[in-house]
PDB file of N, CA and C in Angstrom:
ATOM      1  N   TYR A   1      -1.950  -4.642  16.450  1.00  0.00           N
ATOM      2  CA  TYR A   1      -2.810  -4.450  15.307  1.00  0.00           C
ATOM      3  C   TYR A   1      -2.589  -3.080  14.650  1.00  0.00           C
ATOM      4  N   ARG A   2      -2.184  -2.130  15.439  1.00  0.00           N
ATOM      5  CA  ARG A   2      -1.972  -0.786  14.890  1.00  0.00           C
ATOM      6  C   ARG A   2      -0.911  -0.806  13.793  1.00  0.00           C
ATOM      7  N   ALA A   3       0.186  -1.505  14.025  1.00  0.00           N
ATOM      8  CA  ALA A   3       1.262  -1.568  13.031  1.00  0.00           C
ATOM      9  C   ALA A   3       0.777  -2.252  11.754  1.00  0.00           C
ATOM     10  N   ARG A   4       0.017  -3.308  11.891  1.00  0.00           N
ATOM     11  CA  ARG A   4      -0.521  -4.001  10.707  1.00  0.00           C
ATOM     12  C   ARG A   4      -1.498  -3.101   9.967  1.00  0.00           C
ATOM     13  N   ARG A   5      -2.303  -2.360  10.724  1.00  0.00           N
ATOM     14  CA  ARG A   5      -3.252  -1.433  10.107  1.00  0.00           C
ATOM     15  C   ARG A   5      -2.503  -0.410   9.244  1.00  0.00           C
ATOM     16  N   VAL A   6      -1.426   0.130   9.766  1.00  0.00           N
ATOM     17  CA  VAL A   6      -0.642   1.129   9.033  1.00  0.00           C
ATOM     18  C   VAL A   6      -0.080   0.519   7.751  1.00  0.00           C
ATOM     19  N   VAL A   7       0.513  -0.661   7.853  1.00  0.00           N
ATOM     20  CA  VAL A   7       1.130  -1.327   6.695  1.00  0.00           C
ATOM     21  C   VAL A   7       0.082  -1.671   5.643  1.00  0.00           C
ATOM     22  N   LEU A   8      -0.995  -2.318   6.063  1.00  0.00           N
ATOM     23  CA  LEU A   8      -1.997  -2.780   5.106  1.00  0.00           C
ATOM     24  C   LEU A   8      -2.788  -1.621   4.511  1.00  0.00           C
ATOM     25  N   ARG A   9      -3.104  -0.627   5.318  1.00  0.00           N
ATOM     26  CA  ARG A   9      -3.834   0.528   4.784  1.00  0.00           C
ATOM     27  C   ARG A   9      -3.016   1.236   3.712  1.00  0.00           C
ATOM     28  N   ALA A  10      -1.745   1.475   3.991  1.00  0.00           N
ATOM     29  CA  ALA A  10      -0.880   2.146   3.014  1.00  0.00           C
ATOM     30  C   ALA A  10      -0.761   1.320   1.735  1.00  0.00           C
ATOM     31  N   ALA A  11      -0.606   0.013   1.872  1.00  0.00           N
ATOM     32  CA  ALA A  11      -0.472  -0.848   0.694  1.00  0.00           C
ATOM     33  C   ALA A  11      -1.749  -0.856  -0.129  1.00  0.00           C
ATOM     34  N   LEU A  12      -2.885  -0.958   0.536  1.00  0.00           N
ATOM     35  CA  LEU A  12      -4.159  -0.954  -0.182  1.00  0.00           C
ATOM     36  C   LEU A  12      -4.400   0.386  -0.875  1.00  0.00           C
ATOM     37  N   GLU A  13      -4.152   1.473  -0.184  1.00  0.00           N
ATOM     38  CA  GLU A  13      -4.347   2.783  -0.799  1.00  0.00           C
ATOM     39  C   GLU A  13      -3.400   2.992  -1.979  1.00  0.00           C
ATOM     40  N   SER A  14      -2.180   2.506  -1.871  1.00  0.00           N
ATOM     41  CA  SER A  14      -1.233   2.611  -2.996  1.00  0.00           C
ATOM     42  C   SER A  14      -1.687   1.788  -4.195  1.00  0.00           C
ATOM     43  N   ALA A  15      -2.468   0.730  -3.925  1.00  0.00           N
ATOM     44  CA  ALA A  15      -2.984  -0.122  -4.995  1.00  0.00           C
ATOM     45  C   ALA A  15      -4.324   0.381  -5.528  1.00  0.00           C
ATOM     46  N   GLY A  16      -4.751   1.572  -5.094  1.00  0.00           N
ATOM     47  CA  GLY A  16      -5.965   2.167  -5.641  1.00  0.00           C
ATOM     48  C   GLY A  16      -7.230   1.946  -4.833  1.00  0.00           C
ATOM     49  N   PHE A  17      -7.104   1.437  -3.633  1.00  0.00           N
ATOM     50  CA  PHE A  17      -8.268   1.214  -2.777  1.00  0.00           C
ATOM     51  C   PHE A  17      -8.579   2.458  -1.956  1.00  0.00           C
ATOM     52  N   ASP A  18      -9.852   2.637  -1.664  1.00  0.00           N
ATOM     53  CA  ASP A  18     -10.301   3.610  -0.674  1.00  0.00           C
ATOM     54  C   ASP A  18     -10.657   2.816   0.577  1.00  0.00           C
ATOM     55  N   ILE A  19     -10.308   3.347   1.736  1.00  0.00           N
ATOM     56  CA  ILE A  19     -10.594   2.699   3.006  1.00  0.00           C
ATOM     57  C   ILE A  19     -11.659   3.534   3.712  1.00  0.00           C
ATOM     58  N   SER A  20     -12.713   2.862   4.198  1.00  0.00           N
ATOM     59  CA  SER A  20     -13.770   3.595   4.890  1.00  0.00           C
ATOM     60  C   SER A  20     -14.183   2.857   6.155  1.00  0.00           C
ATOM     61  N   HIS A  21     -14.695   3.607   7.105  1.00  0.00           N
ATOM     62  CA  HIS A  21     -15.215   3.051   8.363  1.00  0.00           C
ATOM     63  C   HIS A  21     -14.215   2.111   9.023  1.00  0.00           C
ATOM     64  N   SER A  22     -12.950   2.479   9.036  1.00  0.00           N
ATOM     65  CA  SER A  22     -11.896   1.588   9.526  1.00  0.00           C
ATOM     66  C   SER A  22     -10.936   2.326  10.454  1.00  0.00           C
ATOM     67  N   HIS A  23     -11.474   3.014  11.433  1.00  0.00           N
ATOM     68  CA  HIS A  23     -10.623   3.790  12.336  1.00  0.00           C
ATOM     69  C   HIS A  23     -10.077   2.950  13.478  1.00  0.00           C
ATOM     70  N   ALA A  24     -10.711   1.847  13.774  1.00  0.00           N
ATOM     71  CA  ALA A  24     -10.269   0.955  14.850  1.00  0.00           C
ATOM     72  C   ALA A  24     -10.821  -0.430  14.551  1.00  0.00           C
ATOM     73  N   GLY A  25     -10.472  -1.392  15.357  1.00  0.00           N
ATOM     74  CA  GLY A  25     -10.976  -2.744  15.168  1.00  0.00           C
ATOM     75  C   GLY A  25      -9.971  -3.643  14.489  1.00  0.00           C
ATOM     76  N   LEU A  26     -10.447  -4.811  14.114  1.00  0.00           N
ATOM     77  CA  LEU A  26      -9.575  -5.843  13.570  1.00  0.00           C
ATOM     78  C   LEU A  26      -9.641  -5.968  12.053  1.00  0.00           C
ATOM     79  N   TYR A  27     -10.328  -5.049  11.381  1.00  0.00           N
ATOM     80  CA  TYR A  27     -10.539  -5.153   9.943  1.00  0.00           C
ATOM     81  C   TYR A  27     -10.422  -3.795   9.273  1.00  0.00           C
ATOM     82  N   LEU A  28     -10.111  -3.836   7.980  1.00  0.00           N
ATOM     83  CA  LEU A  28     -10.199  -2.664   7.110  1.00  0.00           C
ATOM     84  C   LEU A  28     -11.306  -2.928   6.095  1.00  0.00           C
ATOM     85  N   TRP A  29     -12.152  -1.935   5.857  1.00  0.00           N
ATOM     86  CA  TRP A  29     -13.142  -1.998   4.794  1.00  0.00           C
ATOM     87  C   TRP A  29     -12.547  -1.276   3.596  1.00  0.00           C
ATOM     88  N   ALA A  30     -12.340  -2.008   2.524  1.00  0.00           N
ATOM     89  CA  ALA A  30     -11.652  -1.457   1.357  1.00  0.00           C
ATOM     90  C   ALA A  30     -12.514  -1.610   0.112  1.00  0.00           C
ATOM     91  N   THR A  31     -12.409  -0.633  -0.779  1.00  0.00           N
ATOM     92  CA  THR A  31     -13.151  -0.696  -2.032  1.00  0.00           C
ATOM     93  C   THR A  31     -12.304  -0.136  -3.172  1.00  0.00           C
ATOM     94  N   ARG A  32     -12.524  -0.693  -4.338  1.00  0.00           N
ATOM     95  CA  ARG A  32     -11.961  -0.147  -5.575  1.00  0.00           C
ATOM     96  C   ARG A  32     -13.078   0.393  -6.446  1.00  0.00           C
ATOM     97  N   GLY A  33     -14.283   0.507  -5.865  1.00  0.00           N
ATOM     98  CA  GLY A  33     -15.429   1.028  -6.595  1.00  0.00           C
ATOM     99  C   GLY A  33     -16.070   0.021  -7.522  1.00  0.00           C
ATOM    100  N   GLN A  34     -15.770  -1.248  -7.322  1.00  0.00           N
ATOM    101  CA  GLN A  34     -16.344  -2.286  -8.160  1.00  0.00           C
ATOM    102  C   GLN A  34     -17.033  -3.308  -7.259  1.00  0.00           C
ATOM    103  N   LYS A  35     -17.795  -4.183  -7.834  1.00  0.00           N
ATOM    104  CA  LYS A  35     -18.466  -5.227  -7.046  1.00  0.00           C
ATOM    105  C   LYS A  35     -17.418  -6.019  -6.277  1.00  0.00           C
ATOM    106  N   CYS A  36     -17.783  -6.404  -5.077  1.00  0.00           N
ATOM    107  CA  CYS A  36     -16.815  -7.038  -4.189  1.00  0.00           C
ATOM    108  C   CYS A  36     -16.222  -8.326  -4.767  1.00  0.00           C
ATOM    109  N   MET A  37     -16.993  -9.101  -5.508  1.00  0.00           N
ATOM    110  CA  MET A  37     -16.455 -10.352  -6.040  1.00  0.00           C
ATOM    111  C   MET A  37     -15.393 -10.097  -7.111  1.00  0.00           C
ATOM    112  N   ALA A  38     -15.480  -9.001  -7.834  1.00  0.00           N
ATOM    113  CA  ALA A  38     -14.422  -8.648  -8.787  1.00  0.00           C
ATOM    114  C   ALA A  38     -13.144  -8.299  -8.033  1.00  0.00           C
ATOM    115  N   THR A  39     -13.289  -7.610  -6.911  1.00  0.00           N
ATOM    116  CA  THR A  39     -12.129  -7.279  -6.089  1.00  0.00           C
ATOM    117  C   THR A  39     -11.542  -8.537  -5.464  1.00  0.00           C
ATOM    118  N   ILE A  40     -12.395  -9.435  -5.003  1.00  0.00           N
ATOM    119  CA  ILE A  40     -11.929 -10.713  -4.440  1.00  0.00           C
ATOM    120  C   ILE A  40     -11.111 -11.470  -5.482  1.00  0.00           C
ATOM    121  N   GLU A  41     -11.578 -11.496  -6.711  1.00  0.00           N
ATOM    122  CA  GLU A  41     -10.858 -12.167  -7.799  1.00  0.00           C
ATOM    123  C   GLU A  41      -9.491 -11.512  -8.024  1.00  0.00           C
ATOM    124  N   TRP A  42      -9.459 -10.191  -8.085  1.00  0.00           N
ATOM    125  CA  TRP A  42      -8.217  -9.453  -8.297  1.00  0.00           C
ATOM    126  C   TRP A  42      -7.224  -9.747  -7.179  1.00  0.00           C
ATOM    127  N   LEU A  43      -7.689  -9.725  -5.944  1.00  0.00           N
ATOM    128  CA  LEU A  43      -6.811 -10.012  -4.806  1.00  0.00           C
ATOM    129  C   LEU A  43      -6.347 -11.467  -4.819  1.00  0.00           C
ATOM    130  N   SER A  44      -7.238 -12.390  -5.148  1.00  0.00           N
ATOM    131  CA  SER A  44      -6.869 -13.811  -5.136  1.00  0.00           C
ATOM    132  C   SER A  44      -5.795 -14.119  -6.179  1.00  0.00           C
ATOM    133  N   GLN A  45      -5.777 -13.382  -7.269  1.00  0.00           N
ATOM    134  CA  GLN A  45      -4.729 -13.555  -8.277  1.00  0.00           C
ATOM    135  C   GLN A  45      -3.358 -13.159  -7.725  1.00  0.00           C
ATOM    136  N   ARG A  46      -3.352 -12.435  -6.634  1.00  0.00           N
ATOM    137  CA  ARG A  46      -2.112 -12.009  -5.976  1.00  0.00           C
ATOM    138  C   ARG A  46      -1.862 -12.801  -4.690  1.00  0.00           C
ATOM    139  N   GLY A  47      -2.663 -13.839  -4.474  1.00  0.00           N
ATOM    140  CA  GLY A  47      -2.495 -14.679  -3.305  1.00  0.00           C
ATOM    141  C   GLY A  47      -2.987 -14.058  -2.013  1.00  0.00           C
ATOM    142  N   ILE A  48      -3.961 -13.153  -2.120  1.00  0.00           N
ATOM    143  CA  ILE A  48      -4.496 -12.445  -0.959  1.00  0.00           C
ATOM    144  C   ILE A  48      -5.951 -12.849  -0.778  1.00  0.00           C
ATOM    145  N   VAL A  49      -6.282 -13.288   0.429  1.00  0.00           N
ATOM    146  CA  VAL A  49      -7.634 -13.736   0.739  1.00  0.00           C
ATOM    147  C   VAL A  49      -8.305 -12.709   1.645  1.00  0.00           C
ATOM    148  N   CYS A  50      -9.479 -12.264   1.249  1.00  0.00           N
ATOM    149  CA  CYS A  50     -10.289 -11.320   2.032  1.00  0.00           C
ATOM    150  C   CYS A  50     -11.728 -11.804   1.996  1.00  0.00           C
ATOM    151  N   ALA A  51     -12.559 -11.207   2.826  1.00  0.00           N
ATOM    152  CA  ALA A  51     -13.978 -11.542   2.836  1.00  0.00           C
ATOM    153  C   ALA A  51     -14.751 -10.564   1.962  1.00  0.00           C
ATOM    154  N   PRO A  52     -15.650 -11.065   1.122  1.00  0.00           N
ATOM    155  CA  PRO A  52     -16.490 -10.172   0.330  1.00  0.00           C
ATOM    156  C   PRO A  52     -17.423  -9.382   1.243  1.00  0.00           C
ATOM    157  N   GLY A  53     -17.546  -8.106   0.989  1.00  0.00           N
ATOM    158  CA  GLY A  53     -18.368  -7.248   1.822  1.00  0.00           C
ATOM    159  C   GLY A  53     -19.838  -7.609   1.824  1.00  0.00           C
ATOM    160  N   ASP A  54     -20.325  -8.214   0.745  1.00  0.00           N
ATOM    161  CA  ASP A  54     -21.749  -8.536   0.711  1.00  0.00           C
ATOM    162  C   ASP A  54     -22.119  -9.664   1.674  1.00  0.00           C
ATOM    163  N   PHE A  55     -21.128 -10.340   2.241  1.00  0.00           N
ATOM    164  CA  PHE A  55     -21.407 -11.297   3.317  1.00  0.00           C
ATOM    165  C   PHE A  55     -22.041 -10.580   4.505  1.00  0.00           C
ATOM    166  N   TYR A  56     -21.784  -9.282   4.625  1.00  0.00           N
ATOM    167  CA  TYR A  56     -22.198  -8.501   5.790  1.00  0.00           C
ATOM    168  C   TYR A  56     -23.389  -7.596   5.487  1.00  0.00           C
ATOM    169  N   GLY A  57     -23.994  -7.793   4.341  1.00  0.00           N
ATOM    170  CA  GLY A  57     -25.184  -7.038   3.975  1.00  0.00           C
ATOM    171  C   GLY A  57     -25.010  -6.289   2.670  1.00  0.00           C
ATOM    172  N   PRO A  58     -26.118  -5.809   2.126  1.00  0.00           N
ATOM    173  CA  PRO A  58     -26.095  -5.141   0.824  1.00  0.00           C
ATOM    174  C   PRO A  58     -25.198  -3.907   0.766  1.00  0.00           C
ATOM    175  N   SER A  59     -25.032  -3.203   1.874  1.00  0.00           N
ATOM    176  CA  SER A  59     -24.201  -1.998   1.841  1.00  0.00           C
ATOM    177  C   SER A  59     -22.719  -2.319   1.637  1.00  0.00           C
ATOM    178  N   GLY A  60     -22.338  -3.576   1.801  1.00  0.00           N
ATOM    179  CA  GLY A  60     -20.957  -3.984   1.586  1.00  0.00           C
ATOM    180  C   GLY A  60     -20.677  -4.529   0.205  1.00  0.00           C
ATOM    181  N   SER A  61     -21.619  -4.375  -0.715  1.00  0.00           N
ATOM    182  CA  SER A  61     -21.504  -5.015  -2.027  1.00  0.00           C
ATOM    183  C   SER A  61     -20.318  -4.553  -2.861  1.00  0.00           C
ATOM    184  N   HIS A  62     -19.732  -3.412  -2.516  1.00  0.00           N
ATOM    185  CA  HIS A  62     -18.577  -2.901  -3.257  1.00  0.00           C
ATOM    186  C   HIS A  62     -17.325  -2.834  -2.380  1.00  0.00           C
ATOM    187  N   HIS A  63     -17.335  -3.558  -1.272  1.00  0.00           N
ATOM    188  CA  HIS A  63     -16.210  -3.549  -0.337  1.00  0.00           C
ATOM    189  C   HIS A  63     -15.703  -4.963  -0.076  1.00  0.00           C
ATOM    190  N   VAL A  64     -14.484  -5.049   0.402  1.00  0.00           N
ATOM    191  CA  VAL A  64     -13.941  -6.285   0.957  1.00  0.00           C
ATOM    192  C   VAL A  64     -13.490  -5.989   2.376  1.00  0.00           C
ATOM    193  N   ARG A  65     -13.491  -7.026   3.194  1.00  0.00           N
ATOM    194  CA  ARG A  65     -13.054  -6.882   4.572  1.00  0.00           C
ATOM    195  C   ARG A  65     -11.686  -7.540   4.701  1.00  0.00           C
ATOM    196  N   VAL A  66     -10.704  -6.736   5.045  1.00  0.00           N
ATOM    197  CA  VAL A  66      -9.319  -7.185   5.166  1.00  0.00           C
ATOM    198  C   VAL A  66      -9.013  -7.352   6.653  1.00  0.00           C
ATOM    199  N   ALA A  67      -8.670  -8.558   7.062  1.00  0.00           N
ATOM    200  CA  ALA A  67      -8.396  -8.832   8.468  1.00  0.00           C
ATOM    201  C   ALA A  67      -7.003  -8.373   8.861  1.00  0.00           C
ATOM    202  N   LEU A  68      -6.919  -7.793  10.040  1.00  0.00           N
ATOM    203  CA  LEU A  68      -5.629  -7.394  10.610  1.00  0.00           C
ATOM    204  C   LEU A  68      -5.102  -8.467  11.547  1.00  0.00           C
ATOM    205  N   THR A  69      -5.715  -9.632  11.531  1.00  0.00           N
ATOM    206  CA  THR A  69      -5.359 -10.713  12.447  1.00  0.00           C
ATOM    207  C   THR A  69      -4.230 -11.592  11.925  1.00  0.00           C
ATOM    208  N   VAL A  70      -3.657 -11.235  10.807  1.00  0.00           N
ATOM    209  CA  VAL A  70      -2.498 -11.952  10.273  1.00  0.00           C
ATOM    210  C   VAL A  70      -1.259 -11.568  11.069  1.00  0.00           C
ATOM    211  N   SER A  71      -0.178 -12.296  10.863  1.00  0.00           N
ATOM    212  CA  SER A  71       1.084 -11.943  11.527  1.00  0.00           C
ATOM    213  C   SER A  71       1.691 -10.710  10.863  1.00  0.00           C
ATOM    214  N   ASP A  72       2.646 -10.099  11.534  1.00  0.00           N
ATOM    215  CA  ASP A  72       3.357  -8.955  10.937  1.00  0.00           C
ATOM    216  C   ASP A  72       4.032  -9.368   9.633  1.00  0.00           C
ATOM    217  N   GLU A  73       4.596 -10.564   9.612  1.00  0.00           N
ATOM    218  CA  GLU A  73       5.257 -11.070   8.408  1.00  0.00           C
ATOM    219  C   GLU A  73       4.252 -11.224   7.264  1.00  0.00           C
ATOM    220  N   GLN A  74       3.073 -11.742   7.558  1.00  0.00           N
ATOM    221  CA  GLN A  74       2.056 -11.895   6.518  1.00  0.00           C
ATOM    222  C   GLN A  74       1.565 -10.540   6.022  1.00  0.00           C
ATOM    223  N   ALA A  75       1.431  -9.566   6.913  1.00  0.00           N
ATOM    224  CA  ALA A  75       1.029  -8.216   6.497  1.00  0.00           C
ATOM    225  C   ALA A  75       2.065  -7.631   5.542  1.00  0.00           C
ATOM    226  N   ALA A  76       3.337  -7.852   5.836  1.00  0.00           N
ATOM    227  CA  ALA A  76       4.400  -7.371   4.942  1.00  0.00           C
ATOM    228  C   ALA A  76       4.337  -8.072   3.581  1.00  0.00           C
ATOM    229  N   GLN A  77       4.002  -9.363   3.580  1.00  0.00           N
ATOM    230  CA  GLN A  77       3.876 -10.095   2.322  1.00  0.00           C
ATOM    231  C   GLN A  77       2.731  -9.540   1.478  1.00  0.00           C
ATOM    232  N   VAL A  78       1.610  -9.237   2.124  1.00  0.00           N
ATOM    233  CA  VAL A  78       0.491  -8.646   1.409  1.00  0.00           C
ATOM    234  C   VAL A  78       0.903  -7.310   0.808  1.00  0.00           C
ATOM    235  N   SER A  79       1.601  -6.517   1.571  1.00  0.00           N
ATOM    236  CA  SER A  79       2.090  -5.223   1.078  1.00  0.00           C
ATOM    237  C   SER A  79       2.953  -5.412  -0.149  1.00  0.00           C
ATOM    238  N   ASP A  80       3.851  -6.382  -0.109  1.00  0.00           N
ATOM    239  CA  ASP A  80       4.731  -6.664  -1.262  1.00  0.00           C
ATOM    240  C   ASP A  80       3.921  -7.105  -2.463  1.00  0.00           C
ATOM    241  N   ARG A  81       2.907  -7.923  -2.249  1.00  0.00           N
ATOM    242  CA  ARG A  81       2.084  -8.434  -3.366  1.00  0.00           C
ATOM    243  C   ARG A  81       1.250  -7.351  -4.006  1.00  0.00           C
ATOM    244  N   LEU A  82       0.912  -6.320  -3.240  1.00  0.00           N
ATOM    245  CA  LEU A  82       0.120  -5.220  -3.781  1.00  0.00           C
ATOM    246  C   LEU A  82       0.963  -4.166  -4.467  1.00  0.00           C
ATOM    247  N   ALA A  83       2.271  -4.192  -4.231  1.00  0.00           N
ATOM    248  CA  ALA A  83       3.164  -3.166  -4.801  1.00  0.00           C
ATOM    249  C   ALA A  83       3.342  -3.342  -6.297  1.00  0.00           C
TER     250      ALA A  83
END
């Protein structure tokens, strides 16, 4: 998971996302400073599926949860789609 975290975090940050509360675990919390459903729409246009942060409570309303449980190949594909 560490390798996927490095790849996905770098790709998300290069695409303008801020990552918070994501030092360990199976997910990255990412935000572009907009409502989570707008971010979900933007990501879905690139073929990337994430969970809206508001599923996890009001404090997640501007975040998406990016799973690190994908394969290494899928993480690389996400990185390419965000470039």
